[in-house]
Amino acid sequence: MVKDALASPEGSAPERSAPEERPARAAWWVRLAAALPWPVLHGLAGLLAWMAERVGYARRIIDEHLATAFPELTPRERVQIRRRYYRGFAQVLIEVVKATALSAAQLRARIDIAGVAAVRERLAAGPVLLVAAHQCNWEWMLLGLSLELGFPLDAAYKPLVDSWAQREMLKLRTRFGGRLVPAQELLVDIIRRGRAPRAICMVADQEPRTSERKHWTRFLNRDTAFFMGTEEIARVTRFPVFFVGMRRIARSRYALEIEPLADAGEVGPAGELTERYVQRVERQIRESPPDWPWSHKRWKLKKSLYGRE
């Protein structure tokens, strides 16, 4: 259902050229770690990656996923992807901590965003949907968009089980003006806010285990189920849809590219928009395999032989 789509006053909203940082502060030990210089944090990330490789963190799951997705690669090539995945994941961990202390200018210097002008043009006329995947550092993606769009940003999110983690992540994700909406409340929130110009962001490559409606397709050489929430919201609201891609260009430096996925009011066959999204996500993964979360148990759902969910 629409409420399962994930990420994070009425009337016209003025442009915001420079969102203010939120006053909420991270936990003391997070602030202490974030104060460390980049070379020290990168060294810690290297140590974490080495430890993950030594203990074989999620190695069986990662190797199984890589072997299925990239059968054309040699075992040695897939091992290299796994090692780079460990390094990238460790980098993301230290970047999330560091983000609690970065100023707007410091974050802008580490994220290049292409395609913003086209989104701003559409935002001047009303809301847009932004859809992304768990590629690279999606937390920095949210912060970068909050800074650069010049309009309010609402992000769908799934509340965390741990209350402390939930509190700290809310502080981080909203520090440059972003607004978080629990995924199960997203559709009601969209309807309530009407045509107020804003970007509504979702990360939609998770497995839809609790959703009544799924789109089944081939993804990374497997039958894979996807949320249809973005497509259903676009169909109901007639908002335009943009895909936000992300790639790593250096240590703790990224590039975002925003490109149209569906025009405002576009109505196609059921599953067409979701399929466009899936194809764009897979292309992004194949361009940079280490930057997708291979250790996640993504394929628990199995497609019925009789075509049922």
C-alpha atoms as a PDB file:
ATOM      1  CA  MET A   1       0.000   0.000   0.000  1.00  0.00           C
ATOM      2  CA  VAL A   2       0.953   3.682  -0.306  1.00  0.00           C
ATOM      3  CA  LYS A   3       1.704   3.890   3.408  1.00  0.00           C
ATOM      4  CA  ASP A   4       4.506   1.355   2.976  1.00  0.00           C
ATOM      5  CA  ALA A   5       6.605   3.538   0.666  1.00  0.00           C
ATOM      6  CA  LEU A   6       9.854   4.491   2.323  1.00  0.00           C
ATOM      7  CA  ALA A   7      13.162   6.944   2.292  1.00  0.00           C
ATOM      8  CA  SER A   8      12.896  10.281   5.064  1.00  0.00           C
ATOM      9  CA  PRO A   9       0.893  25.355   7.257  1.00  0.00           C
ATOM     10  CA  GLU A  10      -1.071  24.913   3.992  1.00  0.00           C
ATOM     11  CA  GLY A  11      -0.517  27.123   1.028  1.00  0.00           C
ATOM     12  CA  SER A  12       2.499  28.414  -0.790  1.00  0.00           C
ATOM     13  CA  ALA A  13       5.861  27.956   0.918  1.00  0.00           C
ATOM     14  CA  PRO A  14       8.557  30.568   0.291  1.00  0.00           C
ATOM     15  CA  GLU A  15      11.955  29.530  -1.012  1.00  0.00           C
ATOM     16  CA  ARG A  16      14.598  28.977   1.626  1.00  0.00           C
ATOM     17  CA  SER A  17      18.039  29.916   0.378  1.00  0.00           C
ATOM     18  CA  ALA A  18      19.857  28.937   3.556  1.00  0.00           C
ATOM     19  CA  PRO A  19      18.118  26.552   5.974  1.00  0.00           C
ATOM     20  CA  GLU A  20      19.026  27.135   9.577  1.00  0.00           C
ATOM     21  CA  GLU A  21      20.755  24.389  11.524  1.00  0.00           C
ATOM     22  CA  ARG A  22      18.591  22.878  14.234  1.00  0.00           C
ATOM     23  CA  PRO A  23      19.609  23.541  17.868  1.00  0.00           C
ATOM     24  CA  ALA A  24      19.257  19.903  18.988  1.00  0.00           C
ATOM     25  CA  ARG A  25      22.658  18.433  19.844  1.00  0.00           C
ATOM     26  CA  ALA A  26      23.915  14.901  19.414  1.00  0.00           C
ATOM     27  CA  ALA A  27      24.924  12.727  22.360  1.00  0.00           C
ATOM     28  CA  TRP A  28      28.184  13.771  24.013  1.00  0.00           C
ATOM     29  CA  TRP A  29      30.221  10.827  22.770  1.00  0.00           C
ATOM     30  CA  VAL A  30      28.945  11.383  19.216  1.00  0.00           C
ATOM     31  CA  ARG A  31      30.045  15.032  19.438  1.00  0.00           C
ATOM     32  CA  LEU A  32      33.424  13.903  20.756  1.00  0.00           C
ATOM     33  CA  ALA A  33      33.916  11.448  17.871  1.00  0.00           C
ATOM     34  CA  ALA A  34      32.670  14.002  15.332  1.00  0.00           C
ATOM     35  CA  ALA A  35      35.310  16.476  16.526  1.00  0.00           C
ATOM     36  CA  LEU A  36      38.091  14.179  15.325  1.00  0.00           C
ATOM     37  CA  PRO A  37      39.815  15.344  12.111  1.00  0.00           C
ATOM     38  CA  TRP A  38      39.047  13.580   8.843  1.00  0.00           C
ATOM     39  CA  PRO A  39      42.404  11.709   8.631  1.00  0.00           C
ATOM     40  CA  VAL A  40      41.777  10.129  12.050  1.00  0.00           C
ATOM     41  CA  LEU A  41      38.204   9.167  11.138  1.00  0.00           C
ATOM     42  CA  HIS A  42      39.340   7.683   7.825  1.00  0.00           C
ATOM     43  CA  GLY A  43      41.949   5.689   9.721  1.00  0.00           C
ATOM     44  CA  LEU A  44      39.227   4.384  12.058  1.00  0.00           C
ATOM     45  CA  ALA A  45      37.118   3.451   9.043  1.00  0.00           C
ATOM     46  CA  GLY A  46      40.035   1.493   7.622  1.00  0.00           C
ATOM     47  CA  LEU A  47      40.392  -0.362  10.923  1.00  0.00           C
ATOM     48  CA  LEU A  48      36.672  -1.181  11.005  1.00  0.00           C
ATOM     49  CA  ALA A  49      36.811  -2.486   7.445  1.00  0.00           C
ATOM     50  CA  TRP A  50      39.829  -4.651   8.264  1.00  0.00           C
ATOM     51  CA  MET A  51      38.053  -6.087  11.313  1.00  0.00           C
ATOM     52  CA  ALA A  52      34.918  -6.816   9.279  1.00  0.00           C
ATOM     53  CA  GLU A  53      37.018  -8.679   6.723  1.00  0.00           C
ATOM     54  CA  ARG A  54      38.898 -10.621   9.411  1.00  0.00           C
ATOM     55  CA  VAL A  55      35.776 -11.775  11.249  1.00  0.00           C
ATOM     56  CA  GLY A  56      33.894 -12.376   8.022  1.00  0.00           C
ATOM     57  CA  TYR A  57      30.977 -10.087   8.830  1.00  0.00           C
ATOM     58  CA  ALA A  58      27.923 -11.334   6.844  1.00  0.00           C
ATOM     59  CA  ARG A  59      30.363 -12.960   4.414  1.00  0.00           C
ATOM     60  CA  ARG A  60      28.079 -15.812   3.427  1.00  0.00           C
ATOM     61  CA  ILE A  61      25.190 -13.460   2.636  1.00  0.00           C
ATOM     62  CA  ILE A  62      27.394 -11.011   0.727  1.00  0.00           C
ATOM     63  CA  ASP A  63      29.092 -13.742  -1.309  1.00  0.00           C
ATOM     64  CA  GLU A  64      25.759 -15.368  -2.170  1.00  0.00           C
ATOM     65  CA  HIS A  65      24.255 -12.078  -3.318  1.00  0.00           C
ATOM     66  CA  LEU A  66      27.314 -11.127  -5.371  1.00  0.00           C
ATOM     67  CA  ALA A  67      27.549 -14.544  -7.026  1.00  0.00           C
ATOM     68  CA  THR A  68      23.911 -14.314  -8.131  1.00  0.00           C
ATOM     69  CA  ALA A  69      24.117 -10.697  -9.275  1.00  0.00           C
ATOM     70  CA  PHE A  70      27.454 -11.011 -11.078  1.00  0.00           C
ATOM     71  CA  PRO A  71      27.878 -14.588 -12.369  1.00  0.00           C
ATOM     72  CA  GLU A  72      30.107 -13.254 -15.155  1.00  0.00           C
ATOM     73  CA  LEU A  73      32.774 -12.153 -12.663  1.00  0.00           C
ATOM     74  CA  THR A  74      35.518 -14.407 -11.349  1.00  0.00           C
ATOM     75  CA  PRO A  75      35.537 -15.372  -7.644  1.00  0.00           C
ATOM     76  CA  ARG A  76      38.549 -13.126  -7.161  1.00  0.00           C
ATOM     77  CA  GLU A  77      36.721 -10.142  -8.687  1.00  0.00           C
ATOM     78  CA  ARG A  78      33.752 -10.699  -6.390  1.00  0.00           C
ATOM     79  CA  VAL A  79      36.071 -10.868  -3.371  1.00  0.00           C
ATOM     80  CA  GLN A  80      37.422  -7.468  -4.371  1.00  0.00           C
ATOM     81  CA  ILE A  81      33.888  -6.074  -4.467  1.00  0.00           C
ATOM     82  CA  ARG A  82      33.250  -7.515  -1.006  1.00  0.00           C
ATOM     83  CA  ARG A  83      36.387  -5.881   0.381  1.00  0.00           C
ATOM     84  CA  ARG A  84      35.484  -2.552  -1.177  1.00  0.00           C
ATOM     85  CA  TYR A  85      31.995  -2.939   0.256  1.00  0.00           C
ATOM     86  CA  TYR A  86      33.436  -3.305   3.762  1.00  0.00           C
ATOM     87  CA  ARG A  87      35.567  -0.194   3.236  1.00  0.00           C
ATOM     88  CA  GLY A  88      32.655   1.813   1.867  1.00  0.00           C
ATOM     89  CA  PHE A  89      30.295   0.757   4.632  1.00  0.00           C
ATOM     90  CA  ALA A  90      32.858   1.728   7.269  1.00  0.00           C
ATOM     91  CA  GLN A  91      33.289   5.098   5.547  1.00  0.00           C
ATOM     92  CA  VAL A  92      29.551   5.698   5.712  1.00  0.00           C
ATOM     93  CA  LEU A  93      29.533   4.955   9.459  1.00  0.00           C
ATOM     94  CA  ILE A  94      32.177   7.561  10.238  1.00  0.00           C
ATOM     95  CA  GLU A  95      30.540  10.030   7.820  1.00  0.00           C
ATOM     96  CA  VAL A  96      27.216   9.752   9.641  1.00  0.00           C
ATOM     97  CA  VAL A  97      28.969  10.545  12.931  1.00  0.00           C
ATOM     98  CA  LYS A  98      30.920  13.415  11.374  1.00  0.00           C
ATOM     99  CA  ALA A  99      27.737  14.872   9.867  1.00  0.00           C
ATOM    100  CA  THR A 100      26.535  15.811  13.351  1.00  0.00           C
ATOM    101  CA  ALA A 101      29.306  18.423  13.472  1.00  0.00           C
ATOM    102  CA  LEU A 102      29.608  19.558   9.846  1.00  0.00           C
ATOM    103  CA  SER A 103      28.451  23.037   8.961  1.00  0.00           C
ATOM    104  CA  ALA A 104      26.283  23.654   5.917  1.00  0.00           C
ATOM    105  CA  ALA A 105      29.300  24.998   4.015  1.00  0.00           C
ATOM    106  CA  GLN A 106      31.440  21.979   4.940  1.00  0.00           C
ATOM    107  CA  LEU A 107      28.778  19.531   3.778  1.00  0.00           C
ATOM    108  CA  ARG A 108      28.175  21.445   0.546  1.00  0.00           C
ATOM    109  CA  ALA A 109      31.893  21.210  -0.218  1.00  0.00           C
ATOM    110  CA  ARG A 110      31.655  17.402  -0.127  1.00  0.00           C
ATOM    111  CA  ILE A 111      28.494  16.888  -2.199  1.00  0.00           C
ATOM    112  CA  ASP A 112      28.056  17.960  -5.823  1.00  0.00           C
ATOM    113  CA  ILE A 113      24.429  17.987  -7.025  1.00  0.00           C
ATOM    114  CA  ALA A 114      23.437  18.046 -10.694  1.00  0.00           C
ATOM    115  CA  GLY A 115      19.886  18.581 -11.923  1.00  0.00           C
ATOM    116  CA  VAL A 116      18.715  20.836  -9.091  1.00  0.00           C
ATOM    117  CA  ALA A 117      17.522  23.616 -11.420  1.00  0.00           C
ATOM    118  CA  ALA A 118      14.904  21.397 -13.090  1.00  0.00           C
ATOM    119  CA  VAL A 119      13.531  20.321  -9.704  1.00  0.00           C
ATOM    120  CA  ARG A 120      13.375  23.892  -8.409  1.00  0.00           C
ATOM    121  CA  GLU A 121      11.433  24.918 -11.514  1.00  0.00           C
ATOM    122  CA  ARG A 122       8.813  22.253 -10.824  1.00  0.00           C
ATOM    123  CA  LEU A 123       8.775  23.028  -7.098  1.00  0.00           C
ATOM    124  CA  ALA A 124       7.789  26.615  -7.834  1.00  0.00           C
ATOM    125  CA  ALA A 125       4.496  25.223  -9.153  1.00  0.00           C
ATOM    126  CA  GLY A 126       3.855  22.640  -6.432  1.00  0.00           C
ATOM    127  CA  PRO A 127       5.124  19.441  -4.783  1.00  0.00           C
ATOM    128  CA  VAL A 128       7.460  16.912  -6.396  1.00  0.00           C
ATOM    129  CA  LEU A 129       8.345  13.337  -5.460  1.00  0.00           C
ATOM    130  CA  LEU A 130      12.016  12.397  -5.104  1.00  0.00           C
ATOM    131  CA  VAL A 131      12.819   8.695  -5.024  1.00  0.00           C
ATOM    132  CA  ALA A 132      16.233   7.168  -4.285  1.00  0.00           C
ATOM    133  CA  ALA A 133      17.926   3.922  -3.244  1.00  0.00           C
ATOM    134  CA  HIS A 134      20.310   2.815  -0.507  1.00  0.00           C
ATOM    135  CA  GLN A 135      23.358   3.618  -2.622  1.00  0.00           C
ATOM    136  CA  CYS A 136      26.418   5.198  -0.983  1.00  0.00           C
ATOM    137  CA  ASN A 137      25.553   7.496   1.948  1.00  0.00           C
ATOM    138  CA  TRP A 138      21.795   8.128   1.837  1.00  0.00           C
ATOM    139  CA  GLU A 139      21.970  10.121   5.094  1.00  0.00           C
ATOM    140  CA  TRP A 140      24.236  12.673   3.422  1.00  0.00           C
ATOM    141  CA  MET A 141      21.907  12.631   0.416  1.00  0.00           C
ATOM    142  CA  LEU A 142      19.035  13.806   2.616  1.00  0.00           C
ATOM    143  CA  LEU A 143      21.153  16.511   4.245  1.00  0.00           C
ATOM    144  CA  GLY A 144      22.513  17.727   0.908  1.00  0.00           C
ATOM    145  CA  LEU A 145      19.048  17.983  -0.625  1.00  0.00           C
ATOM    146  CA  SER A 146      17.760  19.802   2.462  1.00  0.00           C
ATOM    147  CA  LEU A 147      20.438  22.431   1.872  1.00  0.00           C
ATOM    148  CA  GLU A 148      20.294  22.829  -1.892  1.00  0.00           C
ATOM    149  CA  LEU A 149      16.674  22.565  -3.016  1.00  0.00           C
ATOM    150  CA  GLY A 150      15.635  25.950  -1.602  1.00  0.00           C
ATOM    151  CA  PHE A 151      12.193  24.525  -0.728  1.00  0.00           C
ATOM    152  CA  PRO A 152      10.879  22.483   2.212  1.00  0.00           C
ATOM    153  CA  LEU A 153      11.764  18.817   2.159  1.00  0.00           C
ATOM    154  CA  ASP A 154       9.661  16.034   3.707  1.00  0.00           C
ATOM    155  CA  ALA A 155      11.273  12.609   4.010  1.00  0.00           C
ATOM    156  CA  ALA A 156       9.434   9.371   4.679  1.00  0.00           C
ATOM    157  CA  TYR A 157      11.149   7.184   7.274  1.00  0.00           C
ATOM    158  CA  LYS A 158      10.631   3.996   9.215  1.00  0.00           C
ATOM    159  CA  PRO A 159      10.928   4.656  12.974  1.00  0.00           C
ATOM    160  CA  LEU A 160      13.743   2.733  14.653  1.00  0.00           C
ATOM    161  CA  VAL A 161      13.049   0.238  17.420  1.00  0.00           C
ATOM    162  CA  ASP A 162      15.702   1.619  19.757  1.00  0.00           C
ATOM    163  CA  SER A 163      14.481   4.904  21.258  1.00  0.00           C
ATOM    164  CA  TRP A 164      18.000   6.323  21.715  1.00  0.00           C
ATOM    165  CA  ALA A 165      18.960   5.595  18.104  1.00  0.00           C
ATOM    166  CA  GLN A 166      15.637   7.019  16.950  1.00  0.00           C
ATOM    167  CA  ARG A 167      16.223  10.253  18.864  1.00  0.00           C
ATOM    168  CA  GLU A 168      19.792  10.700  17.599  1.00  0.00           C
ATOM    169  CA  MET A 169      18.907   9.987  13.957  1.00  0.00           C
ATOM    170  CA  LEU A 170      16.030  12.461  14.090  1.00  0.00           C
ATOM    171  CA  LYS A 171      18.460  15.121  15.297  1.00  0.00           C
ATOM    172  CA  LEU A 172      20.834  14.349  12.445  1.00  0.00           C
ATOM    173  CA  ARG A 173      18.279  14.082   9.650  1.00  0.00           C
ATOM    174  CA  THR A 174      16.530  17.353  10.516  1.00  0.00           C
ATOM    175  CA  ARG A 175      19.526  19.557  11.332  1.00  0.00           C
ATOM    176  CA  PHE A 176      19.415  21.390   7.982  1.00  0.00           C
ATOM    177  CA  GLY A 177      15.669  21.888   7.886  1.00  0.00           C
ATOM    178  CA  GLY A 178      14.370  18.547   6.612  1.00  0.00           C
ATOM    179  CA  ARG A 179      11.077  17.301   8.014  1.00  0.00           C
ATOM    180  CA  LEU A 180      10.551  13.600   8.753  1.00  0.00           C
ATOM    181  CA  VAL A 181       7.222  11.843   8.291  1.00  0.00           C
ATOM    182  CA  PRO A 182       6.636   8.249   9.487  1.00  0.00           C
ATOM    183  CA  ALA A 183       6.031   6.121   6.383  1.00  0.00           C
ATOM    184  CA  GLN A 184       2.676   4.844   7.612  1.00  0.00           C
ATOM    185  CA  GLU A 185       1.469   8.467   7.911  1.00  0.00           C
ATOM    186  CA  LEU A 186       2.882   9.704   4.612  1.00  0.00           C
ATOM    187  CA  LEU A 187      -0.249   9.613   2.459  1.00  0.00           C
ATOM    188  CA  VAL A 188      -2.361  11.358   5.113  1.00  0.00           C
ATOM    189  CA  ASP A 189       0.361  14.000   5.495  1.00  0.00           C
ATOM    190  CA  ILE A 190       0.531  14.558   1.728  1.00  0.00           C
ATOM    191  CA  ILE A 191      -3.232  15.033   1.503  1.00  0.00           C
ATOM    192  CA  ARG A 192      -3.287  17.334   4.532  1.00  0.00           C
ATOM    193  CA  ARG A 193      -0.574  19.628   3.149  1.00  0.00           C
ATOM    194  CA  GLY A 194      -2.140  19.807  -0.291  1.00  0.00           C
ATOM    195  CA  ARG A 195      -0.323  21.775  -2.999  1.00  0.00           C
ATOM    196  CA  ALA A 196       2.195  23.491  -0.699  1.00  0.00           C
ATOM    197  CA  PRO A 197       5.482  23.453  -2.680  1.00  0.00           C
ATOM    198  CA  ARG A 198       7.830  20.880  -1.180  1.00  0.00           C
ATOM    199  CA  ALA A 199       9.921  17.852  -2.072  1.00  0.00           C
ATOM    200  CA  ILE A 200       8.612  14.527  -0.767  1.00  0.00           C
ATOM    201  CA  CYS A 201      11.492  12.065  -0.512  1.00  0.00           C
ATOM    202  CA  MET A 202      11.386   8.267  -0.370  1.00  0.00           C
ATOM    203  CA  VAL A 203      13.983   5.499  -0.423  1.00  0.00           C
ATOM    204  CA  ALA A 204      12.130   2.614  -2.019  1.00  0.00           C
ATOM    205  CA  ASP A 205      14.447  -0.341  -2.619  1.00  0.00           C
ATOM    206  CA  GLN A 206      13.596  -2.181   0.608  1.00  0.00           C
ATOM    207  CA  GLU A 207      11.752  -5.482   0.577  1.00  0.00           C
ATOM    208  CA  PRO A 208       7.966  -4.920   0.979  1.00  0.00           C
ATOM    209  CA  ARG A 209       7.400  -7.643   3.574  1.00  0.00           C
ATOM    210  CA  THR A 210       4.305  -6.031   5.120  1.00  0.00           C
ATOM    211  CA  SER A 211       2.806  -4.496   2.000  1.00  0.00           C
ATOM    212  CA  GLU A 212      -0.363  -5.933   0.502  1.00  0.00           C
ATOM    213  CA  ARG A 213       0.660  -4.814  -3.002  1.00  0.00           C
ATOM    214  CA  LYS A 214       4.014  -5.585  -4.558  1.00  0.00           C
ATOM    215  CA  HIS A 215       5.627  -5.272  -7.951  1.00  0.00           C
ATOM    216  CA  TRP A 216       7.548  -8.404  -8.955  1.00  0.00           C
ATOM    217  CA  THR A 217      10.375  -8.054 -11.446  1.00  0.00           C
ATOM    218  CA  ARG A 218      13.868  -9.309 -12.279  1.00  0.00           C
ATOM    219  CA  PHE A 219      16.448  -7.403 -10.275  1.00  0.00           C
ATOM    220  CA  LEU A 220      20.110  -8.396 -10.027  1.00  0.00           C
ATOM    221  CA  ASN A 221      19.250 -11.764 -11.619  1.00  0.00           C
ATOM    222  CA  ARG A 222      16.517 -12.620  -9.099  1.00  0.00           C
ATOM    223  CA  ASP A 223      12.758 -12.451  -8.872  1.00  0.00           C
ATOM    224  CA  THR A 224      12.382  -9.455  -6.567  1.00  0.00           C
ATOM    225  CA  ALA A 225       9.450  -7.655  -4.957  1.00  0.00           C
ATOM    226  CA  PHE A 226       9.325  -3.843  -4.735  1.00  0.00           C
ATOM    227  CA  PHE A 227       7.081  -1.337  -3.022  1.00  0.00           C
ATOM    228  CA  MET A 228       4.530   0.319  -5.303  1.00  0.00           C
ATOM    229  CA  GLY A 229       4.071   3.268  -2.947  1.00  0.00           C
ATOM    230  CA  THR A 230       5.831   5.859  -5.110  1.00  0.00           C
ATOM    231  CA  GLU A 231       3.793   4.860  -8.144  1.00  0.00           C
ATOM    232  CA  GLU A 232       0.520   4.921  -6.218  1.00  0.00           C
ATOM    233  CA  ILE A 233       1.261   8.323  -4.687  1.00  0.00           C
ATOM    234  CA  ALA A 234       2.191   9.727  -8.105  1.00  0.00           C
ATOM    235  CA  ARG A 235      -1.015   8.341  -9.605  1.00  0.00           C
ATOM    236  CA  VAL A 236      -3.222   9.802  -6.852  1.00  0.00           C
ATOM    237  CA  THR A 237      -1.511  13.194  -6.504  1.00  0.00           C
ATOM    238  CA  ARG A 238      -0.322  13.676 -10.121  1.00  0.00           C
ATOM    239  CA  PHE A 239       2.984  15.023  -8.768  1.00  0.00           C
ATOM    240  CA  PRO A 240       6.082  14.776 -11.006  1.00  0.00           C
ATOM    241  CA  VAL A 241       8.665  12.169  -9.979  1.00  0.00           C
ATOM    242  CA  PHE A 242      12.463  12.489 -10.028  1.00  0.00           C
ATOM    243  CA  PHE A 243      15.117   9.845  -9.377  1.00  0.00           C
ATOM    244  CA  VAL A 244      18.070  10.858  -7.196  1.00  0.00           C
ATOM    245  CA  GLY A 245      21.222   8.895  -7.998  1.00  0.00           C
ATOM    246  CA  MET A 246      24.358   8.962  -5.863  1.00  0.00           C
ATOM    247  CA  ARG A 247      27.947   7.944  -6.552  1.00  0.00           C
ATOM    248  CA  ARG A 248      31.173   8.087  -4.582  1.00  0.00           C
ATOM    249  CA  ILE A 249      33.846  10.266  -6.202  1.00  0.00           C
ATOM    250  CA  ALA A 250      36.458  10.106  -3.404  1.00  0.00           C
ATOM    251  CA  ARG A 251      36.662   9.381   0.308  1.00  0.00           C
ATOM    252  CA  SER A 252      33.764  11.215   1.944  1.00  0.00           C
ATOM    253  CA  ARG A 253      32.935  13.025  -1.297  1.00  0.00           C
ATOM    254  CA  TYR A 254      29.848  12.315  -3.397  1.00  0.00           C
ATOM    255  CA  ALA A 255      27.973  13.396  -6.482  1.00  0.00           C
ATOM    256  CA  LEU A 256      24.175  13.434  -6.759  1.00  0.00           C
ATOM    257  CA  GLU A 257      22.327  13.473 -10.050  1.00  0.00           C
ATOM    258  CA  ILE A 258      18.612  14.228 -10.204  1.00  0.00           C
ATOM    259  CA  GLU A 259      16.772  13.120 -13.328  1.00  0.00           C
ATOM    260  CA  PRO A 260      13.082  12.962 -14.324  1.00  0.00           C
ATOM    261  CA  LEU A 261      11.317   9.644 -13.817  1.00  0.00           C
ATOM    262  CA  ALA A 262       7.697  10.627 -14.581  1.00  0.00           C
ATOM    263  CA  ASP A 263       5.926  13.816 -15.647  1.00  0.00           C
ATOM    264  CA  ALA A 264       3.170  15.412 -13.595  1.00  0.00           C
ATOM    265  CA  GLY A 265      -0.111  13.630 -14.232  1.00  0.00           C
ATOM    266  CA  GLU A 266       1.507  10.833 -16.251  1.00  0.00           C
ATOM    267  CA  VAL A 267      -0.573   7.670 -16.068  1.00  0.00           C
ATOM    268  CA  GLY A 268       0.735   4.403 -17.484  1.00  0.00           C
ATOM    269  CA  PRO A 269       0.083   0.703 -17.001  1.00  0.00           C
ATOM    270  CA  ALA A 270       0.296  -0.604 -13.438  1.00  0.00           C
ATOM    271  CA  GLY A 271       3.906  -1.252 -12.518  1.00  0.00           C
ATOM    272  CA  GLU A 272       5.447   0.853 -15.292  1.00  0.00           C
ATOM    273  CA  LEU A 273       6.782   3.634 -13.060  1.00  0.00           C
ATOM    274  CA  THR A 274       8.025   1.127 -10.489  1.00  0.00           C
ATOM    275  CA  GLU A 275       9.802  -0.744 -13.282  1.00  0.00           C
ATOM    276  CA  ARG A 276      11.533   2.452 -14.422  1.00  0.00           C
ATOM    277  CA  TYR A 277      12.729   2.978 -10.867  1.00  0.00           C
ATOM    278  CA  VAL A 278      13.982  -0.620 -10.569  1.00  0.00           C
ATOM    279  CA  GLN A 279      15.931  -0.370 -13.813  1.00  0.00           C
ATOM    280  CA  ARG A 280      17.539   2.889 -12.726  1.00  0.00           C
ATOM    281  CA  VAL A 281      18.512   1.412  -9.358  1.00  0.00           C
ATOM    282  CA  GLU A 282      20.068  -1.666 -10.959  1.00  0.00           C
ATOM    283  CA  ARG A 283      22.025   0.437 -13.440  1.00  0.00           C
ATOM    284  CA  GLN A 284      23.397   2.496 -10.555  1.00  0.00           C
ATOM    285  CA  ILE A 285      24.409  -0.638  -8.651  1.00  0.00           C
ATOM    286  CA  ARG A 286      26.150  -2.167 -11.655  1.00  0.00           C
ATOM    287  CA  GLU A 287      28.082   1.049 -12.224  1.00  0.00           C
ATOM    288  CA  SER A 288      29.459   0.859  -8.676  1.00  0.00           C
ATOM    289  CA  PRO A 289      28.722  -2.522  -7.010  1.00  0.00           C
ATOM    290  CA  PRO A 290      30.489  -1.922  -3.646  1.00  0.00           C
ATOM    291  CA  ASP A 291      28.191   0.975  -2.735  1.00  0.00           C
ATOM    292  CA  TRP A 292      24.952  -1.013  -2.287  1.00  0.00           C
ATOM    293  CA  PRO A 293      24.157  -2.842   1.042  1.00  0.00           C
ATOM    294  CA  TRP A 294      24.940  -6.448   0.079  1.00  0.00           C
ATOM    295  CA  SER A 295      24.934  -7.617   3.698  1.00  0.00           C
ATOM    296  CA  HIS A 296      21.210  -6.901   3.974  1.00  0.00           C
ATOM    297  CA  LYS A 297      18.906  -9.930   3.689  1.00  0.00           C
ATOM    298  CA  ARG A 298      17.022  -8.427   0.750  1.00  0.00           C
ATOM    299  CA  TRP A 299      15.500 -11.552  -0.795  1.00  0.00           C
ATOM    300  CA  LYS A 300      13.473 -13.198   1.961  1.00  0.00           C
ATOM    301  CA  LEU A 301      10.247 -12.967  -0.036  1.00  0.00           C
ATOM    302  CA  LYS A 302       9.761 -15.667  -2.661  1.00  0.00           C
ATOM    303  CA  LYS A 303       7.550 -15.293  -5.700  1.00  0.00           C
ATOM    304  CA  SER A 304       4.709 -17.785  -5.888  1.00  0.00           C
ATOM    305  CA  LEU A 305       4.858 -20.303  -8.720  1.00  0.00           C
ATOM    306  CA  TYR A 306       1.184 -19.556  -9.266  1.00  0.00           C
ATOM    307  CA  GLY A 307       1.675 -15.833  -9.684  1.00  0.00           C
ATOM    308  CA  ARG A 308       0.314 -14.843  -6.276  1.00  0.00           C
ATOM    309  CA  GLU A 309       1.982 -12.630  -3.682  1.00  0.00           C
END
